[in-house]
Amino acid sequence: MTTTTMTAGLDNEDHHAVPSPCINVCRMDASTGWCEGCLRTIDEIAGWSLFDDDAKRAVWDAIELRHAEFVARQPKVRR
Protein backbone atom coordinates (compact mmCIF):
# COMPACT_ATOMS: atom_id res chain seq x y z
CA MET A 1 0.00 0.00 0.00
CA THR A 2 1.37 3.42 -0.89
CA THR A 3 1.37 6.48 1.32
CA THR A 4 -1.18 8.09 -1.00
CA THR A 5 -3.53 5.15 -0.57
CA MET A 6 -3.07 5.13 3.20
CA THR A 7 -3.86 8.83 3.56
CA ALA A 8 -6.56 9.14 0.89
CA GLY A 9 -9.36 8.52 3.40
CA LEU A 10 -7.94 11.02 5.83
CA ASP A 11 -7.82 13.70 3.16
CA ASN A 12 -11.48 13.19 2.35
CA GLU A 13 -12.55 13.20 6.01
CA ASP A 14 -10.49 16.27 6.93
CA HIS A 15 -10.99 18.16 3.67
CA HIS A 16 -13.16 20.79 5.36
CA ALA A 17 -11.66 20.53 8.84
CA VAL A 18 -10.87 23.82 10.54
CA PRO A 19 -7.08 24.08 10.79
CA SER A 20 -5.33 24.69 14.07
CA PRO A 21 -3.91 28.20 14.46
CA CYS A 22 -0.82 26.77 16.20
CA ILE A 23 2.48 27.94 14.70
CA ASN A 24 4.70 26.14 17.24
CA VAL A 25 5.59 29.30 19.15
CA CYS A 26 4.11 28.16 22.44
CA ARG A 27 4.62 30.79 25.15
CA MET A 28 1.84 32.27 27.22
CA ASP A 29 1.87 36.05 27.73
CA ALA A 30 1.06 36.72 31.39
CA SER A 31 -0.34 40.18 30.67
CA THR A 32 -2.88 39.06 28.04
CA GLY A 33 -3.35 35.36 28.82
CA TRP A 34 -2.79 34.62 25.12
CA CYS A 35 -0.25 32.36 23.48
CA GLU A 36 2.39 34.55 21.83
CA GLY A 37 2.28 32.38 18.71
CA CYS A 38 -1.39 31.74 18.00
CA LEU A 39 -3.15 34.24 20.31
CA ARG A 40 -5.33 31.55 21.87
CA THR A 41 -6.09 31.28 25.57
CA ILE A 42 -4.93 28.24 27.52
CA ASP A 43 -8.53 26.97 27.59
CA GLU A 44 -8.82 27.31 23.81
CA ILE A 45 -5.55 25.45 23.32
CA ALA A 46 -6.49 22.68 25.76
CA GLY A 47 -9.96 22.23 24.30
CA TRP A 48 -9.11 22.56 20.60
CA SER A 49 -9.23 18.84 19.81
CA LEU A 50 -12.62 18.55 21.54
CA PHE A 51 -14.22 21.56 19.83
CA ASP A 52 -16.59 21.11 16.91
CA ASP A 53 -15.97 23.12 13.74
CA ASP A 54 -18.29 25.95 14.82
CA ALA A 55 -16.41 26.36 18.10
CA LYS A 56 -13.08 26.30 16.22
CA ARG A 57 -14.33 29.00 13.85
CA ALA A 58 -15.39 31.07 16.88
CA VAL A 59 -11.84 30.77 18.23
CA TRP A 60 -10.49 31.95 14.86
CA ASP A 61 -12.87 34.95 15.05
CA ALA A 62 -11.57 35.74 18.54
CA ILE A 63 -7.98 35.46 17.29
CA GLU A 64 -8.71 38.04 14.57
CA LEU A 65 -10.03 40.47 17.18
CA ARG A 66 -7.05 39.82 19.45
CA HIS A 67 -4.65 40.38 16.56
CA ALA A 68 -6.30 43.74 15.78
CA GLU A 69 -6.04 44.68 19.47
CA PHE A 70 -2.39 43.57 19.56
CA VAL A 71 -1.53 45.65 16.48
CA ALA A 72 -3.38 48.69 17.85
CA ARG A 73 -1.32 48.54 21.07
CA GLN A 74 2.01 48.58 19.23
CA PRO A 75 3.96 51.85 19.36
CA LYS A 76 3.53 53.95 16.26
CA VAL A 77 6.70 54.30 14.18
CA ARG A 78 7.46 57.85 13.05
CA ARG A 79 8.95 58.29 9.62
PDB file of N, CA and C in Angstrom:
ATOM      1  N   MET A   1       0.847  -1.171   0.000  1.00  0.00           N
ATOM      2  CA  MET A   1       0.000   0.000   0.000  1.00  0.00           C
ATOM      3  C   MET A   1       0.895   1.237   0.000  1.00  0.00           C
ATOM      4  N   THR A   2       0.567   2.208  -0.818  1.00  0.00           N
ATOM      5  CA  THR A   2       1.370   3.419  -0.890  1.00  0.00           C
ATOM      6  C   THR A   2       0.900   4.430   0.144  1.00  0.00           C
ATOM      7  N   THR A   3       1.729   5.427   0.384  1.00  0.00           N
ATOM      8  CA  THR A   3       1.365   6.482   1.319  1.00  0.00           C
ATOM      9  C   THR A   3       0.113   7.207   0.847  1.00  0.00           C
ATOM     10  N   THR A   4      -0.005   7.419  -0.460  1.00  0.00           N
ATOM     11  CA  THR A   4      -1.179   8.092  -1.005  1.00  0.00           C
ATOM     12  C   THR A   4      -2.434   7.300  -0.702  1.00  0.00           C
ATOM     13  N   THR A   5      -2.375   5.988  -0.856  1.00  0.00           N
ATOM     14  CA  THR A   5      -3.527   5.146  -0.574  1.00  0.00           C
ATOM     15  C   THR A   5      -3.861   5.175   0.912  1.00  0.00           C
ATOM     16  N   MET A   6      -2.844   5.145   1.760  1.00  0.00           N
ATOM     17  CA  MET A   6      -3.069   5.132   3.197  1.00  0.00           C
ATOM     18  C   MET A   6      -3.712   6.425   3.684  1.00  0.00           C
ATOM     19  N   THR A   7      -3.360   7.551   3.082  1.00  0.00           N
ATOM     20  CA  THR A   7      -3.857   8.828   3.562  1.00  0.00           C
ATOM     21  C   THR A   7      -5.055   9.351   2.772  1.00  0.00           C
ATOM     22  N   ALA A   8      -5.457   8.655   1.726  1.00  0.00           N
ATOM     23  CA  ALA A   8      -6.560   9.142   0.891  1.00  0.00           C
ATOM     24  C   ALA A   8      -7.842   9.320   1.698  1.00  0.00           C
ATOM     25  N   GLY A   9      -8.158   8.404   2.578  1.00  0.00           N
ATOM     26  CA  GLY A   9      -9.359   8.516   3.399  1.00  0.00           C
ATOM     27  C   GLY A   9      -9.282   9.674   4.364  1.00  0.00           C
ATOM     28  N   LEU A  10      -8.106   9.911   4.909  1.00  0.00           N
ATOM     29  CA  LEU A  10      -7.943  11.023   5.828  1.00  0.00           C
ATOM     30  C   LEU A  10      -8.158  12.351   5.125  1.00  0.00           C
ATOM     31  N   ASP A  11      -7.651  12.462   3.914  1.00  0.00           N
ATOM     32  CA  ASP A  11      -7.815  13.700   3.160  1.00  0.00           C
ATOM     33  C   ASP A  11      -9.288  13.994   2.933  1.00  0.00           C
ATOM     34  N   ASN A  12     -10.062  12.975   2.606  1.00  0.00           N
ATOM     35  CA  ASN A  12     -11.479  13.185   2.353  1.00  0.00           C
ATOM     36  C   ASN A  12     -12.216  13.552   3.634  1.00  0.00           C
ATOM     37  N   GLU A  13     -11.886  12.924   4.742  1.00  0.00           N
ATOM     38  CA  GLU A  13     -12.545  13.202   6.008  1.00  0.00           C
ATOM     39  C   GLU A  13     -12.193  14.584   6.529  1.00  0.00           C
ATOM     40  N   ASP A  14     -10.957  15.005   6.370  1.00  0.00           N
ATOM     41  CA  ASP A  14     -10.491  16.265   6.929  1.00  0.00           C
ATOM     42  C   ASP A  14     -10.476  17.400   5.915  1.00  0.00           C
ATOM     43  N   HIS A  15     -11.063  17.180   4.740  1.00  0.00           N
ATOM     44  CA  HIS A  15     -10.991  18.164   3.667  1.00  0.00           C
ATOM     45  C   HIS A  15     -11.522  19.529   4.121  1.00  0.00           C
ATOM     46  N   HIS A  16     -12.578  19.541   4.922  1.00  0.00           N
ATOM     47  CA  HIS A  16     -13.161  20.792   5.364  1.00  0.00           C
ATOM     48  C   HIS A  16     -12.898  21.065   6.843  1.00  0.00           C
ATOM     49  N   ALA A  17     -11.971  20.344   7.425  1.00  0.00           N
ATOM     50  CA  ALA A  17     -11.657  20.527   8.841  1.00  0.00           C
ATOM     51  C   ALA A  17     -11.078  21.924   9.058  1.00  0.00           C
ATOM     52  N   VAL A  18     -11.394  22.498  10.188  1.00  0.00           N
ATOM     53  CA  VAL A  18     -10.874  23.817  10.542  1.00  0.00           C
ATOM     54  C   VAL A  18      -9.441  23.623  11.033  1.00  0.00           C
ATOM     55  N   PRO A  19      -8.480  24.290  10.399  1.00  0.00           N
ATOM     56  CA  PRO A  19      -7.076  24.082  10.786  1.00  0.00           C
ATOM     57  C   PRO A  19      -6.756  24.713  12.136  1.00  0.00           C
ATOM     58  N   SER A  20      -5.800  24.135  12.798  1.00  0.00           N
ATOM     59  CA  SER A  20      -5.330  24.687  14.066  1.00  0.00           C
ATOM     60  C   SER A  20      -4.542  25.965  13.787  1.00  0.00           C
ATOM     61  N   PRO A  21      -4.691  26.971  14.631  1.00  0.00           N
ATOM     62  CA  PRO A  21      -3.906  28.196  14.455  1.00  0.00           C
ATOM     63  C   PRO A  21      -2.480  28.083  15.013  1.00  0.00           C
ATOM     64  N   CYS A  22      -2.137  26.950  15.591  1.00  0.00           N
ATOM     65  CA  CYS A  22      -0.824  26.771  16.205  1.00  0.00           C
ATOM     66  C   CYS A  22       0.292  26.952  15.176  1.00  0.00           C
ATOM     67  N   ILE A  23       1.301  27.757  15.555  1.00  0.00           N
ATOM     68  CA  ILE A  23       2.476  27.943  14.696  1.00  0.00           C
ATOM     69  C   ILE A  23       3.748  27.496  15.413  1.00  0.00           C
ATOM     70  N   ASN A  24       3.582  26.694  16.469  1.00  0.00           N
ATOM     71  CA  ASN A  24       4.697  26.136  17.237  1.00  0.00           C
ATOM     72  C   ASN A  24       5.566  27.191  17.902  1.00  0.00           C
ATOM     73  N   VAL A  25       4.959  28.301  18.298  1.00  0.00           N
ATOM     74  CA  VAL A  25       5.587  29.297  19.150  1.00  0.00           C
ATOM     75  C   VAL A  25       4.720  29.321  20.403  1.00  0.00           C
ATOM     76  N   CYS A  26       5.015  28.434  21.326  1.00  0.00           N
ATOM     77  CA  CYS A  26       4.114  28.163  22.445  1.00  0.00           C
ATOM     78  C   CYS A  26       4.638  28.785  23.734  1.00  0.00           C
ATOM     79  N   ARG A  27       4.274  30.059  23.928  1.00  0.00           N
ATOM     80  CA  ARG A  27       4.617  30.785  25.148  1.00  0.00           C
ATOM     81  C   ARG A  27       3.401  31.618  25.523  1.00  0.00           C
ATOM     82  N   MET A  28       2.985  31.506  26.765  1.00  0.00           N
ATOM     83  CA  MET A  28       1.837  32.275  27.225  1.00  0.00           C
ATOM     84  C   MET A  28       2.298  33.645  27.724  1.00  0.00           C
ATOM     85  N   ASP A  29       1.605  34.679  27.289  1.00  0.00           N
ATOM     86  CA  ASP A  29       1.874  36.045  27.732  1.00  0.00           C
ATOM     87  C   ASP A  29       1.068  36.292  28.999  1.00  0.00           C
ATOM     88  N   ALA A  30       1.744  36.551  30.099  1.00  0.00           N
ATOM     89  CA  ALA A  30       1.064  36.723  31.386  1.00  0.00           C
ATOM     90  C   ALA A  30       0.145  37.941  31.397  1.00  0.00           C
ATOM     91  N   SER A  31       0.476  38.968  30.637  1.00  0.00           N
ATOM     92  CA  SER A  31      -0.338  40.181  30.675  1.00  0.00           C
ATOM     93  C   SER A  31      -1.649  40.039  29.897  1.00  0.00           C
ATOM     94  N   THR A  32      -1.669  39.221  28.852  1.00  0.00           N
ATOM     95  CA  THR A  32      -2.880  39.056  28.044  1.00  0.00           C
ATOM     96  C   THR A  32      -3.578  37.731  28.295  1.00  0.00           C
ATOM     97  N   GLY A  33      -2.803  36.712  28.688  1.00  0.00           N
ATOM     98  CA  GLY A  33      -3.355  35.364  28.815  1.00  0.00           C
ATOM     99  C   GLY A  33      -3.442  34.649  27.475  1.00  0.00           C
ATOM    100  N   TRP A  34      -2.783  35.202  26.463  1.00  0.00           N
ATOM    101  CA  TRP A  34      -2.794  34.617  25.123  1.00  0.00           C
ATOM    102  C   TRP A  34      -1.441  33.981  24.818  1.00  0.00           C
ATOM    103  N   CYS A  35      -1.489  32.945  23.997  1.00  0.00           N
ATOM    104  CA  CYS A  35      -0.252  32.363  23.480  1.00  0.00           C
ATOM    105  C   CYS A  35       0.394  33.395  22.557  1.00  0.00           C
ATOM    106  N   GLU A  36       1.690  33.578  22.677  1.00  0.00           N
ATOM    107  CA  GLU A  36       2.390  34.547  21.834  1.00  0.00           C
ATOM    108  C   GLU A  36       2.410  34.126  20.369  1.00  0.00           C
ATOM    109  N   GLY A  37       2.251  32.847  20.097  1.00  0.00           N
ATOM    110  CA  GLY A  37       2.283  32.382  18.710  1.00  0.00           C
ATOM    111  C   GLY A  37       0.937  32.432  18.028  1.00  0.00           C
ATOM    112  N   CYS A  38      -0.089  31.884  18.670  1.00  0.00           N
ATOM    113  CA  CYS A  38      -1.390  31.741  18.001  1.00  0.00           C
ATOM    114  C   CYS A  38      -2.483  32.639  18.567  1.00  0.00           C
ATOM    115  N   LEU A  39      -2.204  33.325  19.657  1.00  0.00           N
ATOM    116  CA  LEU A  39      -3.146  34.239  20.310  1.00  0.00           C
ATOM    117  C   LEU A  39      -4.367  33.546  20.903  1.00  0.00           C
ATOM    118  N   ARG A  40      -4.240  32.243  21.178  1.00  0.00           N
ATOM    119  CA  ARG A  40      -5.329  31.546  21.874  1.00  0.00           C
ATOM    120  C   ARG A  40      -5.100  31.588  23.367  1.00  0.00           C
ATOM    121  N   THR A  41      -6.191  31.421  24.126  1.00  0.00           N
ATOM    122  CA  THR A  41      -6.090  31.283  25.574  1.00  0.00           C
ATOM    123  C   THR A  41      -5.704  29.842  25.891  1.00  0.00           C
ATOM    124  N   ILE A  42      -5.299  29.606  27.116  1.00  0.00           N
ATOM    125  CA  ILE A  42      -4.932  28.245  27.516  1.00  0.00           C
ATOM    126  C   ILE A  42      -6.133  27.307  27.396  1.00  0.00           C
ATOM    127  N   ASP A  43      -7.330  27.805  27.715  1.00  0.00           N
ATOM    128  CA  ASP A  43      -8.534  26.974  27.593  1.00  0.00           C
ATOM    129  C   ASP A  43      -8.831  26.628  26.133  1.00  0.00           C
ATOM    130  N   GLU A  44      -8.603  27.577  25.240  1.00  0.00           N
ATOM    131  CA  GLU A  44      -8.823  27.314  23.809  1.00  0.00           C
ATOM    132  C   GLU A  44      -7.807  26.303  23.281  1.00  0.00           C
ATOM    133  N   ILE A  45      -6.588  26.406  23.746  1.00  0.00           N
ATOM    134  CA  ILE A  45      -5.552  25.449  23.324  1.00  0.00           C
ATOM    135  C   ILE A  45      -5.890  24.056  23.855  1.00  0.00           C
ATOM    136  N   ALA A  46      -6.208  23.981  25.129  1.00  0.00           N
ATOM    137  CA  ALA A  46      -6.488  22.684  25.755  1.00  0.00           C
ATOM    138  C   ALA A  46      -7.724  22.021  25.165  1.00  0.00           C
ATOM    139  N   GLY A  47      -8.719  22.802  24.800  1.00  0.00           N
ATOM    140  CA  GLY A  47      -9.960  22.231  24.297  1.00  0.00           C
ATOM    141  C   GLY A  47     -10.042  22.059  22.802  1.00  0.00           C
ATOM    142  N   TRP A  48      -9.041  22.531  22.067  1.00  0.00           N
ATOM    143  CA  TRP A  48      -9.114  22.559  20.604  1.00  0.00           C
ATOM    144  C   TRP A  48      -9.539  21.221  20.004  1.00  0.00           C
ATOM    145  N   SER A  49      -8.935  20.145  20.424  1.00  0.00           N
ATOM    146  CA  SER A  49      -9.230  18.839  19.815  1.00  0.00           C
ATOM    147  C   SER A  49     -10.638  18.352  20.148  1.00  0.00           C
ATOM    148  N   LEU A  50     -11.267  18.940  21.160  1.00  0.00           N
ATOM    149  CA  LEU A  50     -12.624  18.552  21.541  1.00  0.00           C
ATOM    150  C   LEU A  50     -13.684  19.448  20.898  1.00  0.00           C
ATOM    151  N   PHE A  51     -13.277  20.605  20.398  1.00  0.00           N
ATOM    152  CA  PHE A  51     -14.217  21.563  19.827  1.00  0.00           C
ATOM    153  C   PHE A  51     -14.771  21.067  18.503  1.00  0.00           C
ATOM    154  N   ASP A  52     -16.044  21.373  18.242  1.00  0.00           N
ATOM    155  CA  ASP A  52     -16.592  21.106  16.910  1.00  0.00           C
ATOM    156  C   ASP A  52     -16.149  22.252  15.991  1.00  0.00           C
ATOM    157  N   ASP A  53     -16.443  22.120  14.704  1.00  0.00           N
ATOM    158  CA  ASP A  53     -15.966  23.116  13.741  1.00  0.00           C
ATOM    159  C   ASP A  53     -16.508  24.519  14.029  1.00  0.00           C
ATOM    160  N   ASP A  54     -17.740  24.633  14.502  1.00  0.00           N
ATOM    161  CA  ASP A  54     -18.293  25.952  14.824  1.00  0.00           C
ATOM    162  C   ASP A  54     -17.518  26.604  15.965  1.00  0.00           C
ATOM    163  N   ALA A  55     -17.180  25.837  16.974  1.00  0.00           N
ATOM    164  CA  ALA A  55     -16.405  26.363  18.095  1.00  0.00           C
ATOM    165  C   ALA A  55     -15.002  26.763  17.633  1.00  0.00           C
ATOM    166  N   LYS A  56     -14.412  25.966  16.748  1.00  0.00           N
ATOM    167  CA  LYS A  56     -13.082  26.295  16.222  1.00  0.00           C
ATOM    168  C   LYS A  56     -13.132  27.585  15.407  1.00  0.00           C
ATOM    169  N   ARG A  57     -14.190  27.756  14.608  1.00  0.00           N
ATOM    170  CA  ARG A  57     -14.334  29.004  13.851  1.00  0.00           C
ATOM    171  C   ARG A  57     -14.511  30.199  14.795  1.00  0.00           C
ATOM    172  N   ALA A  58     -15.215  30.004  15.895  1.00  0.00           N
ATOM    173  CA  ALA A  58     -15.392  31.071  16.883  1.00  0.00           C
ATOM    174  C   ALA A  58     -14.043  31.461  17.492  1.00  0.00           C
ATOM    175  N   VAL A  59     -13.183  30.481  17.723  1.00  0.00           N
ATOM    176  CA  VAL A  59     -11.838  30.775  18.229  1.00  0.00           C
ATOM    177  C   VAL A  59     -11.072  31.580  17.190  1.00  0.00           C
ATOM    178  N   TRP A  60     -11.159  31.193  15.927  1.00  0.00           N
ATOM    179  CA  TRP A  60     -10.494  31.952  14.861  1.00  0.00           C
ATOM    180  C   TRP A  60     -10.997  33.393  14.825  1.00  0.00           C
ATOM    181  N   ASP A  61     -12.306  33.592  15.008  1.00  0.00           N
ATOM    182  CA  ASP A  61     -12.867  34.953  15.047  1.00  0.00           C
ATOM    183  C   ASP A  61     -12.269  35.738  16.212  1.00  0.00           C
ATOM    184  N   ALA A  62     -12.158  35.095  17.367  1.00  0.00           N
ATOM    185  CA  ALA A  62     -11.571  35.745  18.539  1.00  0.00           C
ATOM    186  C   ALA A  62     -10.107  36.091  18.284  1.00  0.00           C
ATOM    187  N   ILE A  63      -9.393  35.212  17.611  1.00  0.00           N
ATOM    188  CA  ILE A  63      -7.982  35.459  17.286  1.00  0.00           C
ATOM    189  C   ILE A  63      -7.862  36.708  16.409  1.00  0.00           C
ATOM    190  N   GLU A  64      -8.751  36.850  15.434  1.00  0.00           N
ATOM    191  CA  GLU A  64      -8.708  38.036  14.565  1.00  0.00           C
ATOM    192  C   GLU A  64      -8.885  39.312  15.378  1.00  0.00           C
ATOM    193  N   LEU A  65      -9.821  39.307  16.322  1.00  0.00           N
ATOM    194  CA  LEU A  65     -10.033  40.474  17.178  1.00  0.00           C
ATOM    195  C   LEU A  65      -8.814  40.736  18.060  1.00  0.00           C
ATOM    196  N   ARG A  66      -8.236  39.677  18.603  1.00  0.00           N
ATOM    197  CA  ARG A  66      -7.046  39.820  19.447  1.00  0.00           C
ATOM    198  C   ARG A  66      -5.876  40.369  18.642  1.00  0.00           C
ATOM    199  N   HIS A  67      -5.742  39.901  17.413  1.00  0.00           N
ATOM    200  CA  HIS A  67      -4.654  40.383  16.560  1.00  0.00           C
ATOM    201  C   HIS A  67      -4.819  41.876  16.304  1.00  0.00           C
ATOM    202  N   ALA A  68      -6.043  42.311  16.006  1.00  0.00           N
ATOM    203  CA  ALA A  68      -6.299  43.736  15.782  1.00  0.00           C
ATOM    204  C   ALA A  68      -5.970  44.543  17.043  1.00  0.00           C
ATOM    205  N   GLU A  69      -6.345  44.020  18.211  1.00  0.00           N
ATOM    206  CA  GLU A  69      -6.041  44.683  19.474  1.00  0.00           C
ATOM    207  C   GLU A  69      -4.530  44.741  19.699  1.00  0.00           C
ATOM    208  N   PHE A  70      -3.845  43.642  19.409  1.00  0.00           N
ATOM    209  CA  PHE A  70      -2.394  43.569  19.561  1.00  0.00           C
ATOM    210  C   PHE A  70      -1.712  44.616  18.676  1.00  0.00           C
ATOM    211  N   VAL A  71      -2.131  44.699  17.418  1.00  0.00           N
ATOM    212  CA  VAL A  71      -1.534  45.650  16.477  1.00  0.00           C
ATOM    213  C   VAL A  71      -1.805  47.080  16.939  1.00  0.00           C
ATOM    214  N   ALA A  72      -3.016  47.339  17.408  1.00  0.00           N
ATOM    215  CA  ALA A  72      -3.380  48.692  17.849  1.00  0.00           C
ATOM    216  C   ALA A  72      -2.547  49.135  19.050  1.00  0.00           C
ATOM    217  N   ARG A  73      -2.101  48.203  19.874  1.00  0.00           N
ATOM    218  CA  ARG A  73      -1.318  48.543  21.065  1.00  0.00           C
ATOM    219  C   ARG A  73       0.159  48.776  20.763  1.00  0.00           C
ATOM    220  N   GLN A  74       0.604  48.428  19.570  1.00  0.00           N
ATOM    221  CA  GLN A  74       2.013  48.576  19.233  1.00  0.00           C
ATOM    222  C   GLN A  74       2.354  50.067  19.080  1.00  0.00           C
ATOM    223  N   PRO A  75       3.551  50.447  19.512  1.00  0.00           N
ATOM    224  CA  PRO A  75       3.962  51.845  19.364  1.00  0.00           C
ATOM    225  C   PRO A  75       3.975  52.241  17.877  1.00  0.00           C
ATOM    226  N   LYS A  76       3.526  53.443  17.628  1.00  0.00           N
ATOM    227  CA  LYS A  76       3.527  53.951  16.258  1.00  0.00           C
ATOM    228  C   LYS A  76       4.962  54.348  15.878  1.00  0.00           C
ATOM    229  N   VAL A  77       5.358  53.989  14.678  1.00  0.00           N
ATOM    230  CA  VAL A  77       6.702  54.297  14.179  1.00  0.00           C
ATOM    231  C   VAL A  77       6.615  55.605  13.385  1.00  0.00           C
ATOM    232  N   ARG A  78       7.420  56.582  13.788  1.00  0.00           N
ATOM    233  CA  ARG A  78       7.459  57.848  13.049  1.00  0.00           C
ATOM    234  C   ARG A  78       8.420  57.718  11.886  1.00  0.00           C
ATOM    235  N   ARG A  79       8.074  58.341  10.806  1.00  0.00           N
ATOM    236  CA  ARG A  79       8.947  58.294   9.621  1.00  0.00           C
ATOM    237  C   ARG A  79       9.553  59.646   9.392  1.00  0.00           C
TER     238      ARG A  79
END
